[in-house]
Amino acid sequence: PNEYNPFLLELLLSNPFLDIAEQILGTNIALFTVYAICKPPFDGRAVKWHQDAAYFPIKPMETFTLWLAVDDSNKENGCMQVLPCSHKSKNIITHSSNWKFSQK
């Protein structure tokens, strides 16, 4: 998306986004990739559970994903869910289509 949309690239490289990245990674940062996940309403398709690190074999894995919802994100429309404290593990968890997220 950033190759074809100058607005998006300028947004991602704007001071508010860079400030967030610097708080997490420090001042030596680079934009690695940009992608969009489009989920049309009522199609019933889910984005399966995953760790971004499994798709990007970067060493050392000193990265993070900045997720930006451009529409409301809630339980009714399939919001993103996060495993608490999963960022503290150095291991990449094997992906499974059988994996279920449960909130306790």
N, C-alpha and C. Protein backbone atom coordinates (compact mmCIF):
# COMPACT_ATOMS: atom_id res chain seq x y z
N PRO A 1 0.80 -1.22 0.00
CA PRO A 1 0.00 0.00 0.00
C PRO A 1 0.84 1.28 0.00
N ASN A 2 2.02 1.27 0.65
CA ASN A 2 2.79 2.52 0.72
C ASN A 2 3.41 2.89 -0.62
N GLU A 3 3.62 1.93 -1.52
CA GLU A 3 4.19 2.25 -2.82
C GLU A 3 3.21 3.02 -3.70
N TYR A 4 1.93 2.83 -3.48
CA TYR A 4 0.92 3.43 -4.33
C TYR A 4 0.13 4.53 -3.65
N ASN A 5 0.38 4.75 -2.37
CA ASN A 5 -0.41 5.72 -1.63
C ASN A 5 0.51 6.62 -0.81
N PRO A 6 0.88 7.76 -1.36
CA PRO A 6 1.78 8.66 -0.63
C PRO A 6 1.21 9.12 0.71
N PHE A 7 -0.11 9.27 0.79
CA PHE A 7 -0.73 9.67 2.06
C PHE A 7 -0.43 8.66 3.16
N LEU A 8 -0.56 7.37 2.84
CA LEU A 8 -0.32 6.32 3.83
C LEU A 8 1.13 6.31 4.27
N LEU A 9 2.06 6.43 3.34
CA LEU A 9 3.47 6.46 3.68
C LEU A 9 3.79 7.66 4.57
N GLU A 10 3.26 8.83 4.23
CA GLU A 10 3.49 10.02 5.05
C GLU A 10 2.90 9.84 6.45
N LEU A 11 1.74 9.20 6.54
CA LEU A 11 1.13 8.94 7.84
C LEU A 11 2.03 8.04 8.69
N LEU A 12 2.52 6.96 8.10
CA LEU A 12 3.34 6.01 8.85
C LEU A 12 4.69 6.58 9.26
N LEU A 13 5.17 7.56 8.52
CA LEU A 13 6.44 8.19 8.84
C LEU A 13 6.26 9.51 9.58
N SER A 14 5.05 9.79 10.03
CA SER A 14 4.77 11.04 10.74
C SER A 14 5.29 10.95 12.18
N ASN A 15 5.47 12.10 12.80
CA ASN A 15 6.02 12.14 14.16
C ASN A 15 5.24 11.31 15.18
N PRO A 16 3.91 11.31 15.20
CA PRO A 16 3.21 10.47 16.20
C PRO A 16 3.56 8.98 16.07
N PHE A 17 3.63 8.48 14.85
CA PHE A 17 3.98 7.06 14.65
C PHE A 17 5.45 6.81 14.98
N LEU A 18 6.32 7.71 14.55
CA LEU A 18 7.74 7.55 14.87
C LEU A 18 7.98 7.62 16.37
N ASP A 19 7.25 8.48 17.07
CA ASP A 19 7.39 8.57 18.54
C ASP A 19 7.04 7.25 19.21
N ILE A 20 5.99 6.59 18.73
CA ILE A 20 5.61 5.28 19.28
C ILE A 20 6.72 4.26 19.02
N ALA A 21 7.22 4.22 17.80
CA ALA A 21 8.28 3.26 17.45
C ALA A 21 9.53 3.51 18.28
N GLU A 22 9.90 4.77 18.46
CA GLU A 22 11.11 5.09 19.23
C GLU A 22 10.96 4.70 20.70
N GLN A 23 9.76 4.80 21.25
CA GLN A 23 9.56 4.39 22.64
C GLN A 23 9.78 2.89 22.80
N ILE A 24 9.53 2.12 21.78
CA ILE A 24 9.66 0.67 21.86
C ILE A 24 11.05 0.20 21.42
N LEU A 25 11.58 0.77 20.34
CA LEU A 25 12.81 0.26 19.74
C LEU A 25 14.02 1.18 19.90
N GLY A 26 13.81 2.42 20.29
CA GLY A 26 14.91 3.38 20.31
C GLY A 26 14.92 4.17 19.02
N THR A 27 15.95 4.97 18.83
CA THR A 27 15.96 5.89 17.69
C THR A 27 16.48 5.28 16.39
N ASN A 28 17.10 4.12 16.43
CA ASN A 28 17.61 3.48 15.22
C ASN A 28 16.51 2.58 14.65
N ILE A 29 15.63 3.16 13.84
CA ILE A 29 14.45 2.42 13.36
C ILE A 29 14.34 2.51 11.84
N ALA A 30 13.61 1.55 11.27
CA ALA A 30 13.32 1.54 9.84
C ALA A 30 11.94 0.95 9.63
N LEU A 31 11.26 1.43 8.62
CA LEU A 31 9.96 0.86 8.23
C LEU A 31 10.25 -0.36 7.37
N PHE A 32 9.86 -1.53 7.83
CA PHE A 32 10.18 -2.78 7.13
C PHE A 32 9.13 -3.11 6.07
N THR A 33 7.86 -3.07 6.44
CA THR A 33 6.81 -3.44 5.50
C THR A 33 5.50 -2.78 5.91
N VAL A 34 4.62 -2.69 4.96
CA VAL A 34 3.28 -2.17 5.18
C VAL A 34 2.33 -3.12 4.49
N TYR A 35 1.28 -3.50 5.16
CA TYR A 35 0.27 -4.30 4.50
C TYR A 35 -1.09 -3.98 5.08
N ALA A 36 -2.11 -4.26 4.30
CA ALA A 36 -3.47 -3.98 4.73
C ALA A 36 -4.26 -5.28 4.70
N ILE A 37 -5.06 -5.46 5.72
CA ILE A 37 -5.98 -6.58 5.76
C ILE A 37 -7.37 -5.98 5.63
N CYS A 38 -8.05 -6.33 4.57
CA CYS A 38 -9.38 -5.80 4.32
C CYS A 38 -10.38 -6.91 4.61
N LYS A 39 -11.27 -6.64 5.55
CA LYS A 39 -12.31 -7.60 5.91
C LYS A 39 -13.67 -6.99 5.59
N PRO A 40 -14.22 -7.30 4.41
CA PRO A 40 -15.53 -6.76 4.07
C PRO A 40 -16.59 -7.24 5.07
N PRO A 41 -17.62 -6.43 5.32
CA PRO A 41 -18.64 -6.81 6.29
C PRO A 41 -19.41 -8.06 5.84
N PHE A 42 -19.73 -8.89 6.81
CA PHE A 42 -20.61 -10.05 6.64
C PHE A 42 -20.05 -11.15 5.75
N ASP A 43 -18.74 -11.17 5.48
CA ASP A 43 -18.21 -12.23 4.64
C ASP A 43 -17.87 -13.48 5.44
N GLY A 44 -17.76 -13.36 6.77
CA GLY A 44 -17.53 -14.52 7.62
C GLY A 44 -16.12 -15.05 7.63
N ARG A 45 -15.21 -14.46 6.87
CA ARG A 45 -13.83 -14.94 6.83
C ARG A 45 -13.04 -14.28 7.95
N ALA A 46 -12.26 -15.08 8.64
CA ALA A 46 -11.43 -14.58 9.73
C ALA A 46 -9.98 -14.54 9.31
N VAL A 47 -9.22 -13.65 9.93
CA VAL A 47 -7.77 -13.69 9.81
C VAL A 47 -7.31 -14.60 10.94
N LYS A 48 -6.73 -15.73 10.60
CA LYS A 48 -6.38 -16.72 11.61
C LYS A 48 -5.32 -16.20 12.58
N TRP A 49 -5.30 -16.76 13.78
CA TRP A 49 -4.33 -16.42 14.80
C TRP A 49 -2.94 -16.64 14.24
N HIS A 50 -2.04 -15.70 14.53
CA HIS A 50 -0.66 -15.83 14.07
C HIS A 50 0.24 -14.88 14.85
N GLN A 51 1.52 -15.11 14.74
CA GLN A 51 2.53 -14.18 15.20
C GLN A 51 3.19 -13.60 13.96
N ASP A 52 3.28 -12.29 13.90
CA ASP A 52 3.90 -11.66 12.74
C ASP A 52 5.34 -12.15 12.55
N ALA A 53 6.03 -12.46 13.64
CA ALA A 53 7.43 -12.88 13.55
C ALA A 53 7.60 -14.16 12.74
N ALA A 54 6.58 -15.00 12.67
CA ALA A 54 6.69 -16.23 11.89
C ALA A 54 6.77 -15.95 10.39
N TYR A 55 6.28 -14.81 9.96
CA TYR A 55 6.28 -14.46 8.54
C TYR A 55 7.49 -13.65 8.13
N PHE A 56 8.18 -13.07 9.09
CA PHE A 56 9.31 -12.20 8.80
C PHE A 56 10.52 -12.69 9.59
N PRO A 57 11.35 -13.56 9.01
CA PRO A 57 12.48 -14.13 9.74
C PRO A 57 13.63 -13.13 9.90
N ILE A 58 13.44 -12.16 10.77
CA ILE A 58 14.43 -11.11 11.01
C ILE A 58 15.26 -11.51 12.23
N LYS A 59 16.56 -11.36 12.14
CA LYS A 59 17.45 -11.67 13.26
C LYS A 59 18.29 -10.44 13.57
N PRO A 60 18.34 -9.95 14.77
CA PRO A 60 17.48 -10.34 15.89
C PRO A 60 16.07 -9.78 15.69
N MET A 61 15.08 -10.43 16.28
CA MET A 61 13.68 -10.05 16.13
C MET A 61 13.39 -8.87 17.05
N GLU A 62 13.95 -7.75 16.71
CA GLU A 62 13.74 -6.53 17.48
C GLU A 62 12.80 -5.63 16.68
N THR A 63 11.57 -6.09 16.56
CA THR A 63 10.56 -5.40 15.76
C THR A 63 9.27 -5.32 16.54
N PHE A 64 8.34 -4.61 15.99
CA PHE A 64 6.99 -4.62 16.51
C PHE A 64 6.04 -4.29 15.38
N THR A 65 4.78 -4.60 15.59
CA THR A 65 3.74 -4.29 14.63
C THR A 65 2.88 -3.18 15.19
N LEU A 66 2.69 -2.16 14.40
CA LEU A 66 1.77 -1.10 14.79
C LEU A 66 0.50 -1.34 14.01
N TRP A 67 -0.55 -1.66 14.72
CA TRP A 67 -1.82 -2.04 14.11
C TRP A 67 -2.76 -0.85 14.18
N LEU A 68 -3.31 -0.46 13.06
CA LEU A 68 -4.18 0.69 12.99
C LEU A 68 -5.51 0.27 12.37
N ALA A 69 -6.57 0.37 13.15
CA ALA A 69 -7.91 0.06 12.64
C ALA A 69 -8.49 1.33 12.05
N VAL A 70 -8.95 1.25 10.82
CA VAL A 70 -9.55 2.43 10.20
C VAL A 70 -11.06 2.47 10.38
N ASP A 71 -11.63 1.39 10.90
CA ASP A 71 -13.05 1.33 11.27
C ASP A 71 -13.14 0.89 12.72
N ASP A 72 -14.33 1.01 13.30
CA ASP A 72 -14.52 0.52 14.66
C ASP A 72 -14.17 -0.96 14.73
N SER A 73 -13.54 -1.35 15.82
CA SER A 73 -13.14 -2.73 16.01
C SER A 73 -13.71 -3.19 17.34
N ASN A 74 -14.61 -4.15 17.30
CA ASN A 74 -15.25 -4.65 18.52
C ASN A 74 -15.58 -6.13 18.36
N LYS A 75 -16.09 -6.74 19.43
CA LYS A 75 -16.37 -8.18 19.39
C LYS A 75 -17.40 -8.53 18.32
N GLU A 76 -18.35 -7.66 18.09
CA GLU A 76 -19.39 -7.95 17.11
C GLU A 76 -18.87 -8.02 15.68
N ASN A 77 -17.83 -7.25 15.37
CA ASN A 77 -17.33 -7.28 14.00
C ASN A 77 -15.97 -7.97 13.89
N GLY A 78 -15.55 -8.68 14.91
CA GLY A 78 -14.35 -9.50 14.82
C GLY A 78 -13.06 -8.76 15.07
N CYS A 79 -12.98 -8.08 16.20
CA CYS A 79 -11.78 -7.31 16.52
C CYS A 79 -10.57 -8.21 16.74
N MET A 80 -9.41 -7.59 16.69
CA MET A 80 -8.17 -8.30 16.96
C MET A 80 -8.11 -8.68 18.43
N GLN A 81 -7.56 -9.85 18.70
CA GLN A 81 -7.37 -10.30 20.07
C GLN A 81 -5.88 -10.54 20.29
N VAL A 82 -5.44 -10.35 21.51
CA VAL A 82 -4.01 -10.45 21.84
C VAL A 82 -3.83 -11.42 23.00
N LEU A 83 -2.79 -12.24 22.93
CA LEU A 83 -2.44 -13.11 24.05
C LEU A 83 -1.64 -12.29 25.05
N PRO A 84 -2.16 -12.08 26.24
CA PRO A 84 -1.42 -11.28 27.24
C PRO A 84 -0.04 -11.86 27.51
N CYS A 85 0.96 -10.99 27.54
CA CYS A 85 2.35 -11.30 27.86
C CYS A 85 3.04 -12.17 26.81
N SER A 86 2.39 -12.46 25.68
CA SER A 86 3.03 -13.30 24.67
C SER A 86 4.25 -12.63 24.05
N HIS A 87 4.35 -11.33 24.14
CA HIS A 87 5.50 -10.60 23.59
C HIS A 87 6.77 -10.84 24.40
N LYS A 88 6.63 -11.39 25.61
CA LYS A 88 7.80 -11.61 26.47
C LYS A 88 8.56 -12.87 26.11
N SER A 89 7.94 -13.76 25.36
CA SER A 89 8.59 -15.00 24.97
C SER A 89 9.53 -14.75 23.80
N LYS A 90 10.67 -15.40 23.78
CA LYS A 90 11.62 -15.31 22.67
C LYS A 90 11.30 -16.35 21.60
N ASN A 91 10.34 -17.23 21.88
CA ASN A 91 10.01 -18.32 20.96
C ASN A 91 8.86 -17.94 20.05
N ILE A 92 8.91 -18.45 18.84
CA ILE A 92 7.79 -18.31 17.92
C ILE A 92 6.92 -19.55 18.12
N ILE A 93 5.66 -19.34 18.39
CA ILE A 93 4.73 -20.43 18.65
C ILE A 93 4.26 -21.01 17.32
N THR A 94 4.24 -22.33 17.21
CA THR A 94 3.78 -22.99 16.00
C THR A 94 2.32 -22.64 15.77
N HIS A 95 2.01 -22.22 14.55
CA HIS A 95 0.64 -21.84 14.21
C HIS A 95 -0.21 -23.09 14.09
N SER A 96 -1.47 -22.95 14.45
CA SER A 96 -2.39 -24.08 14.38
C SER A 96 -3.77 -23.58 14.00
N SER A 97 -4.39 -24.25 13.04
CA SER A 97 -5.76 -23.88 12.67
C SER A 97 -6.75 -24.28 13.74
N ASN A 98 -6.31 -25.12 14.69
CA ASN A 98 -7.19 -25.57 15.77
C ASN A 98 -7.13 -24.68 16.99
N TRP A 99 -6.21 -23.71 16.98
CA TRP A 99 -6.01 -22.87 18.13
C TRP A 99 -7.23 -22.00 18.37
N LYS A 100 -7.64 -21.88 19.61
CA LYS A 100 -8.80 -21.04 19.97
C LYS A 100 -8.36 -20.06 21.01
N PHE A 101 -8.79 -18.83 20.88
CA PHE A 101 -8.51 -17.79 21.87
C PHE A 101 -9.65 -17.81 22.88
N SER A 102 -9.31 -17.79 24.14
CA SER A 102 -10.35 -17.71 25.17
C SER A 102 -9.97 -16.62 26.16
N GLN A 103 -10.93 -15.79 26.50
CA GLN A 103 -10.70 -14.76 27.48
C GLN A 103 -11.17 -15.29 28.82
N LYS A 104 -10.33 -15.10 29.84
CA LYS A 104 -10.70 -15.54 31.19
C LYS A 104 -10.79 -14.36 32.09
